[in-house]
Amino acid sequence: MKKRSKLSEKDKKSWEDFLKSPLNIEDKEESKSQIKKYFRFKFDLHGLSIDEANKKVTEIIENCYEKGFKEILLVTGQGHHSNLDKNVYVSKDHSTLKGTIPEFIKNNSALYSKVIKMENASLKEGGKGALIIRLKKFKV
């Protein structure tokens, strides 16, 4: 196989798109054998706006629920780099992903019906900057 010295813009864009949404990868082992039950899906929401994160969380919960994942680990960050202290018109707790994602899920009955529990991750998994979502079993 010949090694490329420079990536084209199309290749770079394809790679960036893949990194943003790896859910479309087919597991060849799953297709060969019986449906495999997964334990945890992990996704980092850093860099997304609140609207983008809400759309991504919706997609992740629905896909993980249907595929049989038991948990989702969402890395939200703690909001330290949001510079919200300087703006008196913005709530620090409700203008960061850390504060908005759990509220978004609780207020979306279609998503919340798939959730058993939401809690902060352990310190080694991200602590207050990460959220663990435990999912109910998918019913056919």
C-alpha atoms as a PDB file:
ATOM      1  CA  MET A   1       0.000   0.000   0.000  1.00  0.00           C
ATOM      2  CA  LYS A   2       1.356   3.393  -1.000  1.00  0.00           C
ATOM      3  CA  LYS A   3       1.620   6.003   1.756  1.00  0.00           C
ATOM      4  CA  ARG A   4       0.212   9.426   0.928  1.00  0.00           C
ATOM      5  CA  SER A   5       2.312  12.392   1.814  1.00  0.00           C
ATOM      6  CA  LYS A   6      -0.625  14.852   1.970  1.00  0.00           C
ATOM      7  CA  LEU A   7      -4.326  14.319   2.659  1.00  0.00           C
ATOM      8  CA  SER A   8      -6.876  15.880   0.367  1.00  0.00           C
ATOM      9  CA  GLU A   9      -9.526  18.226   1.763  1.00  0.00           C
ATOM     10  CA  LYS A  10     -12.164  15.597   0.949  1.00  0.00           C
ATOM     11  CA  ASP A  11     -10.302  12.977   3.042  1.00  0.00           C
ATOM     12  CA  LYS A  12      -9.915  15.423   5.940  1.00  0.00           C
ATOM     13  CA  LYS A  13     -13.639  16.259   5.826  1.00  0.00           C
ATOM     14  CA  SER A  14     -14.569  12.549   5.736  1.00  0.00           C
ATOM     15  CA  TRP A  15     -12.375  11.867   8.762  1.00  0.00           C
ATOM     16  CA  GLU A  16     -13.839  14.824  10.717  1.00  0.00           C
ATOM     17  CA  ASP A  17     -17.386  13.679   9.898  1.00  0.00           C
ATOM     18  CA  PHE A  18     -16.548  10.155  11.083  1.00  0.00           C
ATOM     19  CA  LEU A  19     -15.134  11.471  14.372  1.00  0.00           C
ATOM     20  CA  LYS A  20     -18.308  13.490  14.992  1.00  0.00           C
ATOM     21  CA  SER A  21     -20.671  10.588  14.341  1.00  0.00           C
ATOM     22  CA  PRO A  22     -19.162   7.102  14.643  1.00  0.00           C
ATOM     23  CA  LEU A  23     -22.581   5.493  15.163  1.00  0.00           C
ATOM     24  CA  ASN A  24     -22.888   4.494  11.509  1.00  0.00           C
ATOM     25  CA  ILE A  25     -20.146   1.862  11.730  1.00  0.00           C
ATOM     26  CA  GLU A  26     -21.405  -1.660  11.248  1.00  0.00           C
ATOM     27  CA  ASP A  27     -20.050  -4.323  13.567  1.00  0.00           C
ATOM     28  CA  LYS A  28     -19.237  -7.261  11.287  1.00  0.00           C
ATOM     29  CA  GLU A  29     -19.131  -9.656  14.244  1.00  0.00           C
ATOM     30  CA  GLU A  30     -22.647  -8.646  15.247  1.00  0.00           C
ATOM     31  CA  SER A  31     -23.984  -9.247  11.749  1.00  0.00           C
ATOM     32  CA  LYS A  32     -22.381 -12.711  11.641  1.00  0.00           C
ATOM     33  CA  SER A  33     -23.661 -13.933  14.979  1.00  0.00           C
ATOM     34  CA  GLN A  34     -26.556 -13.315  17.278  1.00  0.00           C
ATOM     35  CA  ILE A  35     -27.228  -9.804  18.500  1.00  0.00           C
ATOM     36  CA  LYS A  36     -24.521  -8.853  20.933  1.00  0.00           C
ATOM     37  CA  LYS A  37     -25.419  -6.798  23.993  1.00  0.00           C
ATOM     38  CA  TYR A  38     -23.100  -3.893  24.664  1.00  0.00           C
ATOM     39  CA  PHE A  39     -22.249  -2.433  28.016  1.00  0.00           C
ATOM     40  CA  ARG A  40     -21.214   1.211  27.585  1.00  0.00           C
ATOM     41  CA  PHE A  41     -21.084   3.798  24.824  1.00  0.00           C
ATOM     42  CA  LYS A  42     -18.868   6.849  25.349  1.00  0.00           C
ATOM     43  CA  PHE A  43     -19.114  10.209  23.593  1.00  0.00           C
ATOM     44  CA  ASP A  44     -17.368  13.547  24.175  1.00  0.00           C
ATOM     45  CA  LEU A  45     -19.611  16.596  23.670  1.00  0.00           C
ATOM     46  CA  HIS A  46     -16.808  19.170  23.998  1.00  0.00           C
ATOM     47  CA  GLY A  47     -16.988  21.854  21.333  1.00  0.00           C
ATOM     48  CA  LEU A  48     -20.693  21.420  20.570  1.00  0.00           C
ATOM     49  CA  SER A  49     -23.247  24.161  21.122  1.00  0.00           C
ATOM     50  CA  ILE A  50     -26.199  23.392  23.383  1.00  0.00           C
ATOM     51  CA  ASP A  51     -28.480  22.812  20.363  1.00  0.00           C
ATOM     52  CA  GLU A  52     -25.914  20.575  18.642  1.00  0.00           C
ATOM     53  CA  ALA A  53     -25.354  18.641  21.862  1.00  0.00           C
ATOM     54  CA  ASN A  54     -29.105  18.137  22.395  1.00  0.00           C
ATOM     55  CA  LYS A  55     -29.476  16.724  18.870  1.00  0.00           C
ATOM     56  CA  LYS A  56     -26.451  14.466  19.372  1.00  0.00           C
ATOM     57  CA  VAL A  57     -27.695  13.251  22.774  1.00  0.00           C
ATOM     58  CA  THR A  58     -31.079  12.412  21.228  1.00  0.00           C
ATOM     59  CA  GLU A  59     -29.369  10.413  18.468  1.00  0.00           C
ATOM     60  CA  ILE A  60     -27.044   8.640  20.917  1.00  0.00           C
ATOM     61  CA  ILE A  61     -29.770   7.645  23.398  1.00  0.00           C
ATOM     62  CA  GLU A  62     -32.095   6.351  20.673  1.00  0.00           C
ATOM     63  CA  ASN A  63     -29.343   4.365  18.917  1.00  0.00           C
ATOM     64  CA  CYS A  64     -27.838   2.977  22.108  1.00  0.00           C
ATOM     65  CA  TYR A  65     -31.259   1.973  23.436  1.00  0.00           C
ATOM     66  CA  GLU A  66     -32.090   0.105  20.218  1.00  0.00           C
ATOM     67  CA  LYS A  67     -28.669  -1.588  20.087  1.00  0.00           C
ATOM     68  CA  GLY A  68     -28.880  -2.802  23.688  1.00  0.00           C
ATOM     69  CA  PHE A  69     -26.267  -0.641  25.402  1.00  0.00           C
ATOM     70  CA  LYS A  70     -26.687  -0.561  29.164  1.00  0.00           C
ATOM     71  CA  GLU A  71     -24.891   2.738  29.797  1.00  0.00           C
ATOM     72  CA  ILE A  72     -23.829   5.895  28.058  1.00  0.00           C
ATOM     73  CA  LEU A  73     -20.927   7.995  29.304  1.00  0.00           C
ATOM     74  CA  LEU A  74     -21.315  11.566  28.036  1.00  0.00           C
ATOM     75  CA  VAL A  75     -18.343  13.843  28.602  1.00  0.00           C
ATOM     76  CA  THR A  76     -19.750  17.352  28.998  1.00  0.00           C
ATOM     77  CA  GLY A  77     -16.893  19.179  30.666  1.00  0.00           C
ATOM     78  CA  GLN A  78     -17.403  21.283  33.766  1.00  0.00           C
ATOM     79  CA  GLY A  79     -17.899  24.612  32.006  1.00  0.00           C
ATOM     80  CA  HIS A  80     -14.694  26.187  33.330  1.00  0.00           C
ATOM     81  CA  HIS A  81     -13.785  27.619  29.918  1.00  0.00           C
ATOM     82  CA  SER A  82     -17.206  29.065  29.116  1.00  0.00           C
ATOM     83  CA  ASN A  83     -16.475  32.596  30.410  1.00  0.00           C
ATOM     84  CA  LEU A  84     -20.029  32.936  31.722  1.00  0.00           C
ATOM     85  CA  ASP A  85     -19.051  34.742  34.932  1.00  0.00           C
ATOM     86  CA  LYS A  86     -18.638  37.994  33.026  1.00  0.00           C
ATOM     87  CA  ASN A  87     -22.151  38.010  31.571  1.00  0.00           C
ATOM     88  CA  VAL A  88     -24.799  38.919  34.163  1.00  0.00           C
ATOM     89  CA  TYR A  89     -27.606  37.908  31.780  1.00  0.00           C
ATOM     90  CA  VAL A  90     -26.490  34.288  31.457  1.00  0.00           C
ATOM     91  CA  SER A  91     -26.950  31.534  34.028  1.00  0.00           C
ATOM     92  CA  LYS A  92     -23.713  29.636  34.586  1.00  0.00           C
ATOM     93  CA  ASP A  93     -25.572  26.423  35.500  1.00  0.00           C
ATOM     94  CA  HIS A  94     -28.003  26.523  32.573  1.00  0.00           C
ATOM     95  CA  SER A  95     -25.656  27.738  29.837  1.00  0.00           C
ATOM     96  CA  THR A  96     -23.189  24.862  29.974  1.00  0.00           C
ATOM     97  CA  LEU A  97     -23.625  21.334  28.705  1.00  0.00           C
ATOM     98  CA  LYS A  98     -23.073  20.070  32.236  1.00  0.00           C
ATOM     99  CA  GLY A  99     -26.258  21.841  33.340  1.00  0.00           C
ATOM    100  CA  THR A 100     -28.426  21.604  30.245  1.00  0.00           C
ATOM    101  CA  ILE A 101     -28.029  17.990  29.095  1.00  0.00           C
ATOM    102  CA  PRO A 102     -29.696  16.360  32.152  1.00  0.00           C
ATOM    103  CA  GLU A 103     -32.552  18.900  32.000  1.00  0.00           C
ATOM    104  CA  PHE A 104     -32.994  18.341  28.271  1.00  0.00           C
ATOM    105  CA  ILE A 105     -33.294  14.571  28.795  1.00  0.00           C
ATOM    106  CA  LYS A 106     -35.710  14.927  31.734  1.00  0.00           C
ATOM    107  CA  ASN A 107     -37.939  17.278  29.730  1.00  0.00           C
ATOM    108  CA  ASN A 108     -38.024  15.021  26.653  1.00  0.00           C
ATOM    109  CA  SER A 109     -40.478  12.250  27.514  1.00  0.00           C
ATOM    110  CA  ALA A 110     -39.453  10.074  24.536  1.00  0.00           C
ATOM    111  CA  LEU A 111     -35.834  10.070  25.725  1.00  0.00           C
ATOM    112  CA  TYR A 112     -36.512   9.947  29.450  1.00  0.00           C
ATOM    113  CA  SER A 113     -38.737   6.874  28.994  1.00  0.00           C
ATOM    114  CA  LYS A 114     -35.601   4.964  27.899  1.00  0.00           C
ATOM    115  CA  VAL A 115     -33.560   6.049  30.942  1.00  0.00           C
ATOM    116  CA  ILE A 116     -33.342   4.300  34.309  1.00  0.00           C
ATOM    117  CA  LYS A 117     -30.985   6.749  35.988  1.00  0.00           C
ATOM    118  CA  MET A 118     -28.644   9.683  35.331  1.00  0.00           C
ATOM    119  CA  GLU A 119     -25.703  10.484  37.589  1.00  0.00           C
ATOM    120  CA  ASN A 120     -22.290  12.142  37.630  1.00  0.00           C
ATOM    121  CA  ALA A 121     -19.480   9.844  36.605  1.00  0.00           C
ATOM    122  CA  SER A 122     -16.856   8.645  39.062  1.00  0.00           C
ATOM    123  CA  LEU A 123     -13.770  10.849  39.413  1.00  0.00           C
ATOM    124  CA  LYS A 124     -11.650   8.563  37.207  1.00  0.00           C
ATOM    125  CA  GLU A 125     -14.311   8.702  34.459  1.00  0.00           C
ATOM    126  CA  GLY A 126     -14.717  12.484  34.504  1.00  0.00           C
ATOM    127  CA  GLY A 127     -16.491  13.306  37.772  1.00  0.00           C
ATOM    128  CA  LYS A 128     -18.781  16.326  37.518  1.00  0.00           C
ATOM    129  CA  GLY A 129     -17.645  16.844  33.925  1.00  0.00           C
ATOM    130  CA  ALA A 130     -19.213  13.603  32.737  1.00  0.00           C
ATOM    131  CA  LEU A 131     -22.671  12.074  32.956  1.00  0.00           C
ATOM    132  CA  ILE A 132     -23.571   8.390  33.127  1.00  0.00           C
ATOM    133  CA  ILE A 133     -26.957   7.480  31.686  1.00  0.00           C
ATOM    134  CA  ARG A 134     -28.239   3.997  32.537  1.00  0.00           C
ATOM    135  CA  LEU A 135     -30.685   2.703  29.927  1.00  0.00           C
ATOM    136  CA  LYS A 136     -33.679   0.415  30.156  1.00  0.00           C
ATOM    137  CA  LYS A 137     -33.743  -2.784  28.107  1.00  0.00           C
ATOM    138  CA  PHE A 138     -35.015  -2.458  24.551  1.00  0.00           C
ATOM    139  CA  LYS A 139     -38.406  -4.129  24.079  1.00  0.00           C
ATOM    140  CA  VAL A 140     -39.182  -5.609  20.684  1.00  0.00           C
END
